[in-house]
Amino acid sequence: MIKALRMEVPMVIDGRQGAAHLDHAHQLMARVAENLGAYRGQDWAHEIATSRQSVQSARLSISADLPTHIEDDSCIRGWLMESLAKAKESSLVDCALLECIERLLPDAVWIKRHAALNEDAHFVDMHRHALLIGKGSLVHCDSITLGLMVMAPDVRYPFHNHSPREFYLVLSEGEWYQEDAGWFRPGPGGVVYNPPSIRHAVRAGAGPLLALWGLMHT
């Protein structure tokens, strides 16, 4: 079992740092929109196009109440570095997107989802989410929450559903699940869309799983 040792430190940022961070966030959103626009599948074409419009129209600002900075533990750092390195080697992954993510990671707020009563808790200390944009992060946005998911090899994120529509920009190997579709492999550079309230899940293979996700709140 991984010890989830975390250190909470009040985040301090001046106006100049805030302006630079906000600029990096805008650059990330532009790359996200570009990647969504590159989707050439048929299954979610309209929904992903709508999500892209939401990304393009989102209004960002530095949060009035600065979040608490949560340091990720050493095991998460190892999985993150391994999966980022593999993503950079892939010709299918947008390197500019990865660069934008890396600029925001030093000030990301790391969180983990806890297990519900009927869920296997094995996954809890085997994954983290880095909040990059949205409620709870340094960059405020009412309409979108954007985060980076890192998960250990051979771990499954539980079956679940939620009302906000969701997309993933897939940055590693791994499998996604949707009710009525079963398990499928979008592959690095792939895009996954989850309609509101659909039952879905994700699981890592032999290596760590890395994906950028967005929840649409409007």
Protein backbone atom coordinates (compact mmCIF):
# COMPACT_ATOMS: atom_id res chain seq x y z
CA MET A 1 0.00 0.00 0.00
CA ILE A 2 1.34 3.42 -0.93
CA LYS A 3 1.54 5.87 1.94
CA ALA A 4 -0.35 8.99 0.91
CA LEU A 5 1.96 11.48 2.59
CA ARG A 6 0.95 14.98 1.56
CA MET A 7 2.10 18.38 2.70
CA GLU A 8 -0.36 21.26 2.59
CA VAL A 9 1.16 24.73 2.14
CA PRO A 10 -0.75 27.99 1.57
CA MET A 11 -0.07 29.08 -2.00
CA VAL A 12 1.47 32.53 -2.45
CA ILE A 13 1.43 34.26 -5.83
CA ASP A 14 2.06 37.86 -6.86
CA GLY A 15 0.48 39.74 -9.76
CA ARG A 16 3.29 39.00 -12.17
CA GLN A 17 3.27 35.28 -11.39
CA GLY A 18 -0.50 35.26 -11.68
CA ALA A 19 -0.41 36.89 -15.12
CA ALA A 20 2.15 34.35 -16.34
CA HIS A 21 0.18 31.43 -14.94
CA LEU A 22 -3.02 32.73 -16.50
CA ASP A 23 -1.26 33.07 -19.85
CA HIS A 24 -0.09 29.45 -19.59
CA ALA A 25 -3.66 28.39 -18.79
CA HIS A 26 -4.96 30.17 -21.89
CA GLN A 27 -2.29 28.42 -23.96
CA LEU A 28 -3.37 25.06 -22.55
CA MET A 29 -7.01 25.74 -23.38
CA ALA A 30 -6.01 26.66 -26.94
CA ARG A 31 -4.17 23.35 -27.34
CA VAL A 32 -7.13 21.45 -25.86
CA ALA A 33 -9.43 23.10 -28.40
CA GLU A 34 -6.98 22.23 -31.18
CA ASN A 35 -6.89 18.57 -30.11
CA LEU A 36 -10.67 18.36 -29.87
CA GLY A 37 -10.91 19.93 -33.32
CA ALA A 38 -8.64 17.21 -34.71
CA TYR A 39 -11.14 14.47 -33.80
CA ARG A 40 -12.13 12.66 -36.98
CA GLY A 41 -14.35 9.92 -35.57
CA GLN A 42 -18.11 9.72 -36.08
CA ASP A 43 -19.43 8.47 -32.74
CA TRP A 44 -19.09 11.73 -30.82
CA ALA A 45 -18.43 14.26 -33.57
CA HIS A 46 -21.22 16.69 -32.64
CA GLU A 47 -20.65 16.38 -28.88
CA ILE A 48 -16.89 16.90 -29.16
CA ALA A 49 -17.43 19.90 -31.46
CA THR A 50 -19.75 21.36 -28.80
CA SER A 51 -17.14 20.70 -26.11
CA ARG A 52 -14.55 22.45 -28.25
CA GLN A 53 -16.79 25.52 -28.48
CA SER A 54 -17.15 25.46 -24.69
CA VAL A 55 -13.38 25.37 -24.29
CA GLN A 56 -12.92 28.24 -26.72
CA SER A 57 -15.50 30.43 -24.98
CA ALA A 58 -14.43 29.68 -21.39
CA ARG A 59 -13.47 32.68 -19.25
CA LEU A 60 -10.41 32.23 -17.03
CA SER A 61 -9.12 34.27 -14.11
CA ILE A 62 -6.79 33.83 -11.16
CA SER A 63 -8.81 32.54 -8.21
CA ALA A 64 -9.73 35.16 -5.63
CA ASP A 65 -9.19 32.58 -2.86
CA LEU A 66 -5.89 30.86 -3.51
CA PRO A 67 -6.08 27.08 -3.10
CA THR A 68 -3.97 25.02 -0.76
CA HIS A 69 -1.01 23.50 -2.57
CA ILE A 70 -0.95 19.74 -2.11
CA GLU A 71 2.34 18.05 -2.86
CA ASP A 72 2.15 14.74 -4.70
CA ASP A 73 4.04 11.85 -3.11
CA SER A 74 7.08 10.19 -4.64
CA CYS A 75 5.19 7.26 -6.19
CA ILE A 76 2.84 9.58 -8.04
CA ARG A 77 5.82 11.57 -9.25
CA GLY A 78 7.40 8.41 -10.65
CA TRP A 79 4.25 7.39 -12.53
CA LEU A 80 3.85 10.93 -13.83
CA MET A 81 7.42 11.21 -15.09
CA GLU A 82 7.28 7.77 -16.72
CA SER A 83 4.00 8.44 -18.52
CA LEU A 84 5.02 11.95 -19.63
CA ALA A 85 8.27 10.58 -21.05
CA LYS A 86 6.39 7.93 -23.04
CA ALA A 87 3.88 10.49 -24.27
CA LYS A 88 6.70 12.71 -25.55
CA GLU A 89 8.09 9.77 -27.53
CA SER A 90 4.76 9.14 -29.26
CA SER A 91 4.18 10.74 -32.64
CA LEU A 92 0.42 10.59 -31.91
CA VAL A 93 0.49 12.93 -28.90
CA ASP A 94 0.56 16.71 -29.25
CA CYS A 95 3.93 17.80 -27.79
CA ALA A 96 2.71 21.39 -27.49
CA LEU A 97 -0.15 20.18 -25.31
CA LEU A 98 2.32 18.34 -23.06
CA GLU A 99 4.48 21.46 -22.77
CA CYS A 100 1.45 23.49 -21.66
CA ILE A 101 0.56 20.88 -19.05
CA GLU A 102 4.12 20.84 -17.70
CA ARG A 103 4.11 24.63 -17.27
CA LEU A 104 1.04 24.42 -15.02
CA LEU A 105 1.98 21.29 -13.04
CA PRO A 106 4.29 23.00 -10.49
CA ASP A 107 1.28 24.90 -9.10
CA ALA A 108 -1.33 22.19 -9.61
CA VAL A 109 -3.52 21.04 -6.72
CA TRP A 110 -3.29 17.25 -6.41
CA ILE A 111 -6.37 15.37 -5.22
CA LYS A 112 -7.61 11.78 -5.16
CA ARG A 113 -11.07 10.26 -5.37
CA HIS A 114 -12.05 8.17 -2.37
CA ALA A 115 -13.89 4.88 -2.65
CA ALA A 116 -17.64 4.61 -2.19
CA LEU A 117 -19.09 1.95 0.10
CA ASN A 118 -19.56 -0.59 -2.68
CA GLU A 119 -16.19 0.00 -4.38
CA ASP A 120 -12.83 -1.74 -4.10
CA ALA A 121 -10.57 0.78 -2.34
CA HIS A 122 -7.41 -0.57 -4.01
CA PHE A 123 -7.43 2.26 -6.54
CA VAL A 124 -7.51 5.08 -3.98
CA ASP A 125 -3.77 5.43 -3.36
CA MET A 126 -2.92 4.31 -6.88
CA HIS A 127 -4.15 7.43 -8.68
CA ARG A 128 -4.18 11.23 -8.46
CA HIS A 129 -5.74 14.13 -10.31
CA ALA A 130 -3.85 17.39 -10.85
CA LEU A 131 -6.41 20.20 -10.98
CA LEU A 132 -5.16 22.66 -13.59
CA ILE A 133 -8.17 24.87 -14.36
CA GLY A 134 -11.50 25.26 -12.57
CA LYS A 135 -12.94 25.22 -9.06
CA GLY A 136 -10.30 24.36 -6.48
CA SER A 137 -7.34 25.29 -8.70
CA LEU A 138 -5.27 28.43 -9.10
CA VAL A 139 -7.10 29.32 -12.33
CA HIS A 140 -10.80 29.91 -11.83
CA CYS A 141 -13.38 28.92 -14.45
CA ASP A 142 -17.13 28.56 -13.93
CA SER A 143 -17.83 26.53 -17.05
CA ILE A 144 -15.02 23.92 -17.15
CA THR A 145 -12.84 21.91 -14.81
CA LEU A 146 -9.65 20.63 -16.44
CA GLY A 147 -7.41 18.08 -14.79
CA LEU A 148 -4.68 15.53 -15.41
CA MET A 149 -5.26 11.95 -14.30
CA VAL A 150 -2.31 9.73 -13.38
CA MET A 151 -2.91 6.10 -12.48
CA ALA A 152 -0.59 3.24 -11.58
CA PRO A 153 -0.19 0.21 -13.86
CA ASP A 154 -2.85 -2.52 -13.70
CA VAL A 155 -5.33 -0.35 -11.78
CA ARG A 156 -8.98 0.21 -12.66
CA TYR A 157 -10.82 3.41 -11.85
CA PRO A 158 -14.29 2.40 -10.57
CA PHE A 159 -17.44 2.33 -12.65
CA HIS A 160 -19.28 5.59 -12.00
CA ASN A 161 -21.39 8.31 -13.56
CA HIS A 162 -21.93 12.05 -13.15
CA SER A 163 -24.16 14.73 -14.61
CA PRO A 164 -21.51 16.93 -16.29
CA ARG A 165 -20.51 15.86 -19.77
CA GLU A 166 -16.85 14.92 -19.98
CA PHE A 167 -14.03 14.48 -22.45
CA TYR A 168 -10.60 12.89 -22.23
CA LEU A 169 -7.53 13.66 -24.29
CA VAL A 170 -5.74 10.32 -24.05
CA LEU A 171 -1.97 10.56 -23.50
CA SER A 172 -1.04 6.91 -22.90
CA GLU A 173 -2.15 3.36 -23.52
CA GLY A 174 -5.13 2.23 -21.49
CA GLU A 175 -8.73 1.10 -21.76
CA TRP A 176 -11.95 3.08 -21.42
CA TYR A 177 -15.40 1.68 -20.70
CA GLN A 178 -18.89 2.95 -21.52
CA GLU A 179 -22.18 1.19 -20.93
CA ASP A 180 -23.54 -0.38 -24.13
CA ALA A 181 -20.08 -0.11 -25.72
CA GLY A 182 -17.88 -2.12 -23.35
CA TRP A 183 -14.12 -1.70 -23.10
CA PHE A 184 -12.17 -0.03 -25.91
CA ARG A 185 -8.67 1.35 -26.53
CA PRO A 186 -8.56 4.89 -27.92
CA GLY A 187 -4.73 4.91 -27.84
CA PRO A 188 -2.36 7.86 -27.31
CA GLY A 189 -3.72 10.93 -29.07
CA GLY A 190 -7.28 9.61 -28.90
CA VAL A 191 -10.35 11.48 -27.68
CA VAL A 192 -13.08 10.01 -25.47
CA TYR A 193 -16.45 11.64 -24.78
CA ASN A 194 -18.77 10.65 -21.91
CA PRO A 195 -22.36 11.91 -22.22
CA PRO A 196 -24.13 13.09 -19.03
CA SER A 197 -24.86 10.32 -16.51
CA ILE A 198 -23.43 7.49 -18.64
CA ARG A 199 -21.78 4.69 -16.65
CA HIS A 200 -18.08 4.63 -17.45
CA ALA A 201 -14.64 3.63 -16.17
CA VAL A 202 -10.99 3.50 -17.16
CA ARG A 203 -8.12 1.13 -16.45
CA ALA A 204 -4.37 1.15 -16.94
CA GLY A 205 -2.42 -1.60 -18.63
CA ALA A 206 1.17 -2.65 -18.03
CA GLY A 207 2.30 0.98 -17.77
CA PRO A 208 0.92 4.04 -15.98
CA LEU A 209 -2.14 5.76 -17.44
CA LEU A 210 -2.11 9.47 -18.26
CA ALA A 211 -5.04 11.49 -19.60
CA LEU A 212 -6.22 15.08 -19.57
CA TRP A 213 -9.93 15.37 -18.72
CA GLY A 214 -12.46 18.13 -18.91
CA LEU A 215 -15.83 18.41 -17.15
CA MET A 216 -18.37 20.77 -18.75
CA HIS A 217 -20.56 22.58 -16.22
CA THR A 218 -22.74 24.47 -18.71
